[in-house]
């Protein structure tokens, strides 16, 4: 099987799937969006909790809500889908 380039891997996602991600992003609360941004930068739940003045459990709940709204299983998948949706949106 031939080796796929990185771009080909991203392009394997069908547009209706990306539309679910876009819809999910639009539904995030400001707090969920902030928790997502912090997670993407590599902050632990504890770091985010301290920076936001909330409990670790609350950060974990926000993360679960983000994943559910984006219809993804983990942060890695979320980042991949967001990146692809933005890439397709911006050219």
C-alpha atoms as a PDB file:
ATOM      1  CA  UNK A   1       0.000   0.000   0.000  1.00  0.00           C
ATOM      2  CA  UNK A   2       1.464   3.390  -0.922  1.00  0.00           C
ATOM      3  CA  UNK A   3       2.435   5.813   1.811  1.00  0.00           C
ATOM      4  CA  UNK A   4      -0.124   8.576   2.305  1.00  0.00           C
ATOM      5  CA  UNK A   5       0.957  12.147   2.642  1.00  0.00           C
ATOM      6  CA  UNK A   6      -0.256  14.102   5.659  1.00  0.00           C
ATOM      7  CA  UNK A   7      -2.682  16.144   3.551  1.00  0.00           C
ATOM      8  CA  UNK A   8      -4.254  12.965   2.225  1.00  0.00           C
ATOM      9  CA  UNK A   9      -4.880  11.763   5.758  1.00  0.00           C
ATOM     10  CA  UNK A  10      -6.689  14.961   6.621  1.00  0.00           C
ATOM     11  CA  UNK A  11      -8.728  14.883   3.429  1.00  0.00           C
ATOM     12  CA  UNK A  12     -10.173  11.466   4.298  1.00  0.00           C
ATOM     13  CA  UNK A  13     -12.779  13.138   6.533  1.00  0.00           C
ATOM     14  CA  UNK A  14     -16.122  13.617   4.769  1.00  0.00           C
ATOM     15  CA  UNK A  15     -17.657  17.086   4.742  1.00  0.00           C
ATOM     16  CA  UNK A  16     -20.820  16.086   6.702  1.00  0.00           C
ATOM     17  CA  UNK A  17     -18.561  14.923   9.549  1.00  0.00           C
ATOM     18  CA  UNK A  18     -16.768  18.264   9.556  1.00  0.00           C
ATOM     19  CA  UNK A  19     -20.091  20.085   9.599  1.00  0.00           C
ATOM     20  CA  UNK A  20     -20.886  18.290  12.882  1.00  0.00           C
ATOM     21  CA  UNK A  21     -17.631  19.653  14.294  1.00  0.00           C
ATOM     22  CA  UNK A  22     -18.400  23.182  13.093  1.00  0.00           C
ATOM     23  CA  UNK A  23     -21.879  22.981  14.641  1.00  0.00           C
ATOM     24  CA  UNK A  24     -20.398  21.660  17.872  1.00  0.00           C
ATOM     25  CA  UNK A  25     -17.840  24.460  18.017  1.00  0.00           C
ATOM     26  CA  UNK A  26     -20.600  27.022  17.589  1.00  0.00           C
ATOM     27  CA  UNK A  27     -22.468  25.460  20.517  1.00  0.00           C
ATOM     28  CA  UNK A  28     -19.543  25.639  22.974  1.00  0.00           C
ATOM     29  CA  UNK A  29     -20.015  27.959  25.906  1.00  0.00           C
ATOM     30  CA  UNK A  30     -17.319  30.572  26.526  1.00  0.00           C
ATOM     31  CA  UNK A  31     -16.026  28.464  29.441  1.00  0.00           C
ATOM     32  CA  UNK A  32     -15.936  25.276  27.359  1.00  0.00           C
ATOM     33  CA  UNK A  33     -14.060  27.121  24.632  1.00  0.00           C
ATOM     34  CA  UNK A  34     -11.516  28.396  27.162  1.00  0.00           C
ATOM     35  CA  UNK A  35     -11.057  24.898  28.609  1.00  0.00           C
ATOM     36  CA  UNK A  36     -10.580  23.542  25.065  1.00  0.00           C
ATOM     37  CA  UNK A  37      -7.996  26.237  24.246  1.00  0.00           C
ATOM     38  CA  UNK A  38      -6.072  25.445  27.410  1.00  0.00           C
ATOM     39  CA  UNK A  39      -6.191  21.701  26.739  1.00  0.00           C
ATOM     40  CA  UNK A  40      -4.921  22.213  23.190  1.00  0.00           C
ATOM     41  CA  UNK A  41      -1.937  24.146  24.554  1.00  0.00           C
ATOM     42  CA  UNK A  42      -1.112  21.168  26.762  1.00  0.00           C
ATOM     43  CA  UNK A  43      -2.383  22.359  30.116  1.00  0.00           C
ATOM     44  CA  UNK A  44      -3.370  19.649  32.532  1.00  0.00           C
ATOM     45  CA  UNK A  45      -6.796  19.720  34.122  1.00  0.00           C
ATOM     46  CA  UNK A  46      -5.087  20.881  37.313  1.00  0.00           C
ATOM     47  CA  UNK A  47      -3.332  23.747  35.539  1.00  0.00           C
ATOM     48  CA  UNK A  48      -6.568  24.828  33.876  1.00  0.00           C
ATOM     49  CA  UNK A  49      -8.471  24.589  37.150  1.00  0.00           C
ATOM     50  CA  UNK A  50      -5.962  26.822  38.898  1.00  0.00           C
ATOM     51  CA  UNK A  51      -5.896  29.339  36.074  1.00  0.00           C
ATOM     52  CA  UNK A  52      -9.666  29.515  35.839  1.00  0.00           C
ATOM     53  CA  UNK A  53     -10.403  29.378  39.566  1.00  0.00           C
ATOM     54  CA  UNK A  54     -12.535  26.241  39.300  1.00  0.00           C
ATOM     55  CA  UNK A  55     -12.143  22.657  40.480  1.00  0.00           C
ATOM     56  CA  UNK A  56     -10.341  19.955  38.526  1.00  0.00           C
ATOM     57  CA  UNK A  57     -13.610  18.015  38.398  1.00  0.00           C
ATOM     58  CA  UNK A  58     -15.334  21.002  36.771  1.00  0.00           C
ATOM     59  CA  UNK A  59     -12.576  21.222  34.155  1.00  0.00           C
ATOM     60  CA  UNK A  60     -12.999  17.497  33.468  1.00  0.00           C
ATOM     61  CA  UNK A  61     -16.757  17.964  33.080  1.00  0.00           C
ATOM     62  CA  UNK A  62     -16.199  20.847  30.645  1.00  0.00           C
ATOM     63  CA  UNK A  63     -13.788  18.688  28.651  1.00  0.00           C
ATOM     64  CA  UNK A  64     -16.376  15.901  28.470  1.00  0.00           C
ATOM     65  CA  UNK A  65     -18.982  18.383  27.245  1.00  0.00           C
ATOM     66  CA  UNK A  66     -16.602  19.676  24.571  1.00  0.00           C
ATOM     67  CA  UNK A  67     -15.917  16.165  23.288  1.00  0.00           C
ATOM     68  CA  UNK A  68     -19.632  15.358  23.269  1.00  0.00           C
ATOM     69  CA  UNK A  69     -20.558  18.552  21.404  1.00  0.00           C
ATOM     70  CA  UNK A  70     -17.838  17.933  18.823  1.00  0.00           C
ATOM     71  CA  UNK A  71     -18.838  14.253  18.622  1.00  0.00           C
ATOM     72  CA  UNK A  72     -15.251  13.069  19.100  1.00  0.00           C
ATOM     73  CA  UNK A  73     -13.706  10.533  21.465  1.00  0.00           C
ATOM     74  CA  UNK A  74     -10.622  12.384  22.651  1.00  0.00           C
ATOM     75  CA  UNK A  75      -8.663  15.619  22.458  1.00  0.00           C
ATOM     76  CA  UNK A  76      -6.424  14.347  19.673  1.00  0.00           C
ATOM     77  CA  UNK A  77      -9.427  13.687  17.470  1.00  0.00           C
ATOM     78  CA  UNK A  78     -10.900  17.074  18.403  1.00  0.00           C
ATOM     79  CA  UNK A  79      -7.740  18.914  17.387  1.00  0.00           C
ATOM     80  CA  UNK A  80      -7.531  17.014  14.100  1.00  0.00           C
ATOM     81  CA  UNK A  81     -11.147  17.723  13.193  1.00  0.00           C
ATOM     82  CA  UNK A  82     -10.967  21.390  14.181  1.00  0.00           C
ATOM     83  CA  UNK A  83      -7.769  21.847  12.163  1.00  0.00           C
ATOM     84  CA  UNK A  84      -9.276  20.210   9.100  1.00  0.00           C
ATOM     85  CA  UNK A  85     -12.536  22.171   9.348  1.00  0.00           C
ATOM     86  CA  UNK A  86     -10.612  25.430   9.644  1.00  0.00           C
ATOM     87  CA  UNK A  87      -8.291  24.489   6.785  1.00  0.00           C
ATOM     88  CA  UNK A  88     -11.232  23.768   4.503  1.00  0.00           C
ATOM     89  CA  UNK A  89     -13.000  26.936   5.603  1.00  0.00           C
ATOM     90  CA  UNK A  90      -9.986  29.129   4.894  1.00  0.00           C
ATOM     91  CA  UNK A  91      -8.763  27.677   1.711  1.00  0.00           C
END
